[in-house]
N, C-alpha and C. Protein backbone atom coordinates (compact mmCIF):
# COMPACT_ATOMS: atom_id res chain seq x y z
N MET A 1 -120.84 -66.33 3.28
CA MET A 1 -121.14 -66.97 4.54
C MET A 1 -119.82 -67.09 5.30
N SER A 2 -119.84 -66.84 6.59
CA SER A 2 -118.62 -66.88 7.39
C SER A 2 -118.87 -67.66 8.67
N ASN A 3 -117.88 -68.41 9.08
CA ASN A 3 -117.95 -69.16 10.32
C ASN A 3 -116.54 -69.14 10.92
N GLY A 4 -116.29 -68.20 11.80
CA GLY A 4 -114.95 -68.09 12.36
C GLY A 4 -113.94 -67.71 11.29
N ASN A 5 -112.92 -68.55 11.11
CA ASN A 5 -111.91 -68.29 10.10
C ASN A 5 -112.20 -68.97 8.77
N SER A 6 -113.30 -69.67 8.66
CA SER A 6 -113.65 -70.34 7.42
C SER A 6 -114.64 -69.49 6.66
N HIS A 7 -114.42 -69.32 5.38
CA HIS A 7 -115.31 -68.52 4.54
C HIS A 7 -115.66 -69.32 3.30
N HIS A 8 -116.88 -69.18 2.87
CA HIS A 8 -117.34 -69.83 1.65
C HIS A 8 -118.00 -68.77 0.78
N TYR A 9 -117.52 -68.64 -0.43
CA TYR A 9 -118.10 -67.70 -1.37
C TYR A 9 -118.49 -68.47 -2.62
N GLY A 10 -119.68 -68.27 -3.08
CA GLY A 10 -120.12 -68.91 -4.31
C GLY A 10 -121.31 -68.17 -4.85
N ASN A 11 -121.48 -68.21 -6.18
CA ASN A 11 -122.62 -67.48 -6.71
C ASN A 11 -123.70 -68.42 -7.24
N ASN A 12 -123.39 -69.40 -7.99
CA ASN A 12 -124.38 -70.37 -8.45
C ASN A 12 -123.67 -71.60 -8.97
N ILE A 13 -124.43 -72.55 -9.42
CA ILE A 13 -123.85 -73.82 -9.86
C ILE A 13 -122.91 -73.65 -11.05
N HIS A 14 -123.11 -72.60 -11.83
CA HIS A 14 -122.27 -72.40 -13.01
C HIS A 14 -121.16 -71.38 -12.78
N GLY A 15 -121.09 -70.82 -11.58
CA GLY A 15 -120.11 -69.78 -11.31
C GLY A 15 -118.98 -70.28 -10.44
N ASP A 16 -118.27 -69.33 -9.87
CA ASP A 16 -117.12 -69.64 -9.04
C ASP A 16 -117.57 -70.16 -7.68
N ASN A 17 -116.77 -71.02 -7.13
CA ASN A 17 -116.98 -71.53 -5.78
C ASN A 17 -115.62 -71.47 -5.11
N VAL A 18 -115.51 -70.66 -4.06
CA VAL A 18 -114.24 -70.44 -3.40
C VAL A 18 -114.37 -70.80 -1.94
N ASN A 19 -113.45 -71.60 -1.44
CA ASN A 19 -113.39 -71.93 -0.02
C ASN A 19 -112.06 -71.44 0.51
N MET A 20 -112.12 -70.63 1.60
CA MET A 20 -110.90 -70.16 2.23
C MET A 20 -110.94 -70.59 3.69
N TYR A 21 -109.86 -71.11 4.16
CA TYR A 21 -109.77 -71.55 5.54
C TYR A 21 -108.61 -70.81 6.21
N GLY A 22 -108.96 -69.76 6.94
CA GLY A 22 -107.94 -68.98 7.63
C GLY A 22 -107.08 -68.18 6.69
N GLY A 23 -105.95 -67.73 7.17
CA GLY A 23 -105.02 -66.97 6.35
C GLY A 23 -105.30 -65.48 6.43
N THR A 24 -104.36 -64.71 5.91
CA THR A 24 -104.51 -63.27 5.86
C THR A 24 -104.12 -62.78 4.48
N GLY A 25 -104.63 -61.63 4.13
CA GLY A 25 -104.26 -61.03 2.85
C GLY A 25 -104.87 -61.72 1.65
N ASN A 26 -105.94 -62.47 1.84
CA ASN A 26 -106.60 -63.12 0.71
C ASN A 26 -107.26 -62.04 -0.15
N THR A 27 -106.93 -62.03 -1.42
CA THR A 27 -107.42 -60.95 -2.27
C THR A 27 -108.41 -61.40 -3.32
N GLY A 28 -108.61 -62.65 -3.51
CA GLY A 28 -109.59 -63.08 -4.50
C GLY A 28 -109.09 -64.22 -5.35
N ILE A 29 -109.67 -64.33 -6.53
CA ILE A 29 -109.40 -65.44 -7.43
C ILE A 29 -108.52 -64.95 -8.57
N VAL A 30 -107.51 -65.71 -8.90
CA VAL A 30 -106.72 -65.44 -10.09
C VAL A 30 -107.29 -66.31 -11.20
N LYS A 31 -107.78 -65.66 -12.23
CA LYS A 31 -108.36 -66.40 -13.36
C LYS A 31 -107.38 -66.35 -14.51
N HIS A 32 -107.17 -67.48 -15.11
CA HIS A 32 -106.30 -67.58 -16.27
C HIS A 32 -107.18 -67.80 -17.49
N GLN A 33 -107.19 -66.83 -18.39
CA GLN A 33 -108.04 -66.98 -19.56
C GLN A 33 -107.23 -67.53 -20.72
N SER A 34 -107.91 -68.23 -21.55
CA SER A 34 -107.29 -68.81 -22.73
C SER A 34 -106.76 -67.70 -23.63
N PRO A 35 -105.55 -67.86 -24.20
CA PRO A 35 -105.07 -66.85 -25.14
C PRO A 35 -105.96 -66.77 -26.39
N ALA A 36 -106.77 -67.79 -26.61
CA ALA A 36 -107.66 -67.78 -27.76
C ALA A 36 -108.82 -66.81 -27.57
N LEU A 37 -109.16 -66.48 -26.32
CA LEU A 37 -110.31 -65.61 -26.07
C LEU A 37 -110.10 -64.20 -26.64
N PRO A 38 -108.99 -63.52 -26.35
CA PRO A 38 -108.82 -62.18 -26.94
C PRO A 38 -108.84 -62.21 -28.48
N GLU A 39 -108.28 -63.25 -29.06
CA GLU A 39 -108.29 -63.38 -30.52
C GLU A 39 -109.72 -63.55 -31.03
N ALA A 40 -110.50 -64.38 -30.35
CA ALA A 40 -111.89 -64.62 -30.76
C ALA A 40 -112.73 -63.36 -30.61
N ILE A 41 -112.49 -62.62 -29.53
CA ILE A 41 -113.23 -61.36 -29.34
C ILE A 41 -112.82 -60.35 -30.41
N GLY A 42 -111.54 -60.28 -30.72
CA GLY A 42 -111.08 -59.38 -31.78
C GLY A 42 -111.72 -59.71 -33.12
N GLU A 43 -111.82 -60.99 -33.44
CA GLU A 43 -112.47 -61.41 -34.69
C GLU A 43 -113.95 -61.05 -34.67
N LEU A 44 -114.61 -61.26 -33.54
CA LEU A 44 -116.02 -60.90 -33.43
C LEU A 44 -116.21 -59.40 -33.64
N VAL A 45 -115.38 -58.59 -33.03
CA VAL A 45 -115.49 -57.13 -33.19
C VAL A 45 -115.31 -56.75 -34.66
N ARG A 46 -114.33 -57.35 -35.31
CA ARG A 46 -114.10 -57.06 -36.74
C ARG A 46 -115.34 -57.41 -37.57
N LEU A 47 -115.92 -58.58 -37.31
CA LEU A 47 -117.11 -59.01 -38.04
C LEU A 47 -118.31 -58.11 -37.74
N LEU A 48 -118.44 -57.69 -36.49
CA LEU A 48 -119.54 -56.78 -36.14
C LEU A 48 -119.39 -55.44 -36.83
N GLN A 49 -118.17 -54.95 -36.95
CA GLN A 49 -117.95 -53.68 -37.64
C GLN A 49 -118.33 -53.79 -39.12
N GLU A 50 -118.04 -54.94 -39.73
CA GLU A 50 -118.43 -55.16 -41.12
C GLU A 50 -119.94 -55.25 -41.26
N LEU A 51 -120.58 -55.96 -40.33
CA LEU A 51 -122.03 -56.16 -40.40
C LEU A 51 -122.79 -54.88 -40.07
N ARG A 52 -122.24 -54.05 -39.22
CA ARG A 52 -122.94 -52.87 -38.72
C ARG A 52 -123.49 -52.00 -39.85
N GLY A 53 -122.75 -51.84 -40.92
CA GLY A 53 -123.18 -51.02 -42.05
C GLY A 53 -124.40 -51.56 -42.77
N GLU A 54 -124.71 -52.82 -42.57
CA GLU A 54 -125.85 -53.46 -43.22
C GLU A 54 -127.09 -53.48 -42.34
N LEU A 55 -126.99 -52.94 -41.13
CA LEU A 55 -128.09 -53.04 -40.18
C LEU A 55 -128.96 -51.79 -40.16
N ALA A 56 -130.18 -51.98 -39.73
CA ALA A 56 -131.07 -50.85 -39.48
C ALA A 56 -130.47 -50.04 -38.32
N PRO A 57 -130.75 -48.75 -38.27
CA PRO A 57 -130.16 -47.91 -37.21
C PRO A 57 -130.39 -48.43 -35.79
N ALA A 58 -131.55 -48.93 -35.49
CA ALA A 58 -131.82 -49.43 -34.14
C ALA A 58 -130.95 -50.65 -33.82
N SER A 59 -130.79 -51.54 -34.79
CA SER A 59 -129.94 -52.72 -34.57
C SER A 59 -128.47 -52.32 -34.47
N ALA A 60 -128.05 -51.36 -35.28
CA ALA A 60 -126.67 -50.87 -35.21
C ALA A 60 -126.39 -50.27 -33.83
N GLN A 61 -127.38 -49.60 -33.25
CA GLN A 61 -127.21 -49.02 -31.92
C GLN A 61 -127.05 -50.11 -30.86
N VAL A 62 -127.79 -51.21 -31.00
CA VAL A 62 -127.64 -52.33 -30.06
C VAL A 62 -126.23 -52.90 -30.16
N VAL A 63 -125.72 -53.03 -31.38
CA VAL A 63 -124.34 -53.51 -31.56
C VAL A 63 -123.37 -52.56 -30.88
N ASP A 64 -123.54 -51.25 -31.12
CA ASP A 64 -122.65 -50.26 -30.49
C ASP A 64 -122.71 -50.36 -28.97
N ASP A 65 -123.92 -50.48 -28.44
CA ASP A 65 -124.09 -50.55 -26.98
C ASP A 65 -123.50 -51.83 -26.41
N SER A 66 -123.47 -52.89 -27.17
CA SER A 66 -122.99 -54.19 -26.70
C SER A 66 -121.47 -54.32 -26.75
N LEU A 67 -120.83 -53.58 -27.62
CA LEU A 67 -119.39 -53.75 -27.82
C LEU A 67 -118.57 -53.52 -26.55
N SER A 68 -118.91 -52.53 -25.75
CA SER A 68 -118.09 -52.28 -24.56
C SER A 68 -118.18 -53.44 -23.58
N ALA A 69 -119.36 -54.02 -23.43
CA ALA A 69 -119.51 -55.17 -22.52
C ALA A 69 -118.77 -56.39 -23.06
N ILE A 70 -118.76 -56.55 -24.37
CA ILE A 70 -118.09 -57.70 -24.98
C ILE A 70 -116.57 -57.58 -24.86
N THR A 71 -116.05 -56.39 -25.04
CA THR A 71 -114.59 -56.22 -25.12
C THR A 71 -113.93 -55.89 -23.79
N SER A 72 -114.69 -55.46 -22.80
CA SER A 72 -114.10 -55.06 -21.52
C SER A 72 -113.74 -56.26 -20.65
N ASP A 73 -112.54 -56.23 -20.09
CA ASP A 73 -112.12 -57.28 -19.16
C ASP A 73 -112.83 -57.16 -17.82
N THR A 74 -113.44 -56.01 -17.58
CA THR A 74 -114.10 -55.79 -16.29
C THR A 74 -115.60 -56.02 -16.34
N SER A 75 -116.13 -56.40 -17.48
CA SER A 75 -117.57 -56.68 -17.58
C SER A 75 -117.94 -57.88 -16.73
N ALA A 76 -119.06 -57.76 -16.05
CA ALA A 76 -119.58 -58.91 -15.30
C ALA A 76 -119.93 -60.01 -16.29
N PRO A 77 -119.73 -61.26 -15.92
CA PRO A 77 -120.04 -62.36 -16.86
C PRO A 77 -121.47 -62.29 -17.40
N GLN A 78 -122.43 -61.93 -16.56
CA GLN A 78 -123.82 -61.85 -17.01
C GLN A 78 -124.00 -60.74 -18.04
N GLU A 79 -123.32 -59.61 -17.82
CA GLU A 79 -123.41 -58.48 -18.75
C GLU A 79 -122.81 -58.85 -20.10
N ARG A 80 -121.65 -59.51 -20.08
CA ARG A 80 -121.01 -59.92 -21.33
C ARG A 80 -121.88 -60.95 -22.05
N HIS A 81 -122.45 -61.88 -21.31
CA HIS A 81 -123.31 -62.90 -21.90
C HIS A 81 -124.52 -62.25 -22.58
N ARG A 82 -125.17 -61.31 -21.89
CA ARG A 82 -126.33 -60.61 -22.48
C ARG A 82 -125.95 -59.89 -23.76
N ALA A 83 -124.79 -59.24 -23.75
CA ALA A 83 -124.34 -58.51 -24.93
C ALA A 83 -124.06 -59.46 -26.09
N LEU A 84 -123.44 -60.59 -25.79
CA LEU A 84 -123.17 -61.59 -26.84
C LEU A 84 -124.46 -62.14 -27.43
N ILE A 85 -125.44 -62.42 -26.57
CA ILE A 85 -126.72 -62.93 -27.05
C ILE A 85 -127.43 -61.87 -27.89
N ALA A 86 -127.32 -60.61 -27.49
CA ALA A 86 -127.97 -59.53 -28.24
C ALA A 86 -127.40 -59.44 -29.66
N VAL A 87 -126.07 -59.48 -29.79
CA VAL A 87 -125.49 -59.37 -31.13
C VAL A 87 -125.73 -60.64 -31.95
N ALA A 88 -125.78 -61.79 -31.30
CA ALA A 88 -126.09 -63.03 -32.02
C ALA A 88 -127.52 -63.00 -32.55
N THR A 89 -128.43 -62.44 -31.76
CA THR A 89 -129.82 -62.34 -32.19
C THR A 89 -129.93 -61.41 -33.40
N ILE A 90 -129.24 -60.30 -33.35
CA ILE A 90 -129.25 -59.38 -34.49
C ILE A 90 -128.64 -60.06 -35.71
N ALA A 91 -127.55 -60.78 -35.53
CA ALA A 91 -126.93 -61.49 -36.65
C ALA A 91 -127.89 -62.48 -37.27
N ALA A 92 -128.68 -63.14 -36.43
CA ALA A 92 -129.63 -64.13 -36.94
C ALA A 92 -130.73 -63.48 -37.77
N THR A 93 -131.05 -62.23 -37.48
CA THR A 93 -132.14 -61.57 -38.22
C THR A 93 -131.73 -61.18 -39.63
N VAL A 94 -130.44 -61.14 -39.92
CA VAL A 94 -130.01 -60.76 -41.27
C VAL A 94 -129.57 -61.97 -42.09
N GLY A 95 -129.88 -63.15 -41.61
CA GLY A 95 -129.67 -64.38 -42.38
C GLY A 95 -128.21 -64.70 -42.62
N ALA A 96 -127.92 -65.12 -43.86
CA ALA A 96 -126.57 -65.59 -44.22
C ALA A 96 -125.51 -64.52 -44.00
N LEU A 97 -125.88 -63.28 -44.16
CA LEU A 97 -124.94 -62.18 -43.96
C LEU A 97 -124.44 -62.14 -42.51
N GLY A 98 -125.29 -62.52 -41.58
CA GLY A 98 -124.93 -62.49 -40.18
C GLY A 98 -124.34 -63.79 -39.64
N GLN A 99 -124.30 -64.83 -40.46
CA GLN A 99 -123.83 -66.13 -39.98
C GLN A 99 -122.40 -66.11 -39.43
N PRO A 100 -121.46 -65.41 -40.07
CA PRO A 100 -120.12 -65.36 -39.48
C PRO A 100 -120.10 -64.74 -38.07
N VAL A 101 -120.96 -63.75 -37.84
CA VAL A 101 -121.05 -63.14 -36.52
C VAL A 101 -121.61 -64.15 -35.53
N ALA A 102 -122.67 -64.85 -35.91
CA ALA A 102 -123.27 -65.86 -35.03
C ALA A 102 -122.24 -66.94 -34.69
N ASP A 103 -121.46 -67.36 -35.67
CA ASP A 103 -120.42 -68.36 -35.42
C ASP A 103 -119.35 -67.82 -34.47
N ALA A 104 -118.97 -66.56 -34.66
CA ALA A 104 -117.96 -65.95 -33.79
C ALA A 104 -118.48 -65.81 -32.36
N VAL A 105 -119.75 -65.46 -32.20
CA VAL A 105 -120.35 -65.38 -30.87
C VAL A 105 -120.32 -66.75 -30.20
N ASN A 106 -120.69 -67.78 -30.94
CA ASN A 106 -120.67 -69.14 -30.37
C ASN A 106 -119.27 -69.54 -29.94
N LYS A 107 -118.27 -69.14 -30.71
CA LYS A 107 -116.88 -69.45 -30.34
C LYS A 107 -116.51 -68.75 -29.04
N VAL A 108 -116.86 -67.46 -28.92
CA VAL A 108 -116.55 -66.72 -27.70
C VAL A 108 -117.29 -67.32 -26.51
N LEU A 109 -118.57 -67.63 -26.68
CA LEU A 109 -119.33 -68.24 -25.59
C LEU A 109 -118.70 -69.57 -25.17
N GLY A 110 -118.24 -70.35 -26.13
CA GLY A 110 -117.60 -71.62 -25.81
C GLY A 110 -116.31 -71.41 -25.02
N LEU A 111 -115.52 -70.41 -25.40
CA LEU A 111 -114.28 -70.12 -24.68
C LEU A 111 -114.55 -69.60 -23.28
N LEU A 112 -115.69 -68.95 -23.11
CA LEU A 112 -116.08 -68.46 -21.78
C LEU A 112 -116.74 -69.55 -20.94
N GLY A 113 -117.01 -70.69 -21.58
CA GLY A 113 -117.67 -71.77 -20.87
C GLY A 113 -119.14 -71.49 -20.63
N ALA A 114 -119.74 -70.69 -21.50
CA ALA A 114 -121.14 -70.25 -21.29
C ALA A 114 -122.13 -70.93 -22.22
N GLN A 115 -121.71 -71.94 -22.93
CA GLN A 115 -122.65 -72.59 -23.84
C GLN A 115 -123.34 -73.73 -23.16
């Protein structure tokens, strides 16, 4: 929405809300992510690689398809969230074997502020 030199950008109650009043060369939002997030994602990827060998081929394919959205810095938040939920659901279907993956997904979601 724009009104003269004032601009308001927002997506929803849980997303970013940016107000700009005049100025030039505004390029966007600088986001500072927790250093714990890359570590948590790395641990999740490691656990998914271990679990993958125990999965049915269709479930293993979902894990493979989800990894790029989970690990990419350019993934849209909704895309990353869907991928995390997909792998958590698969982890839940294999019971105790998948519990470490489910825990790792919850940690990543918490660091992303998506819980």
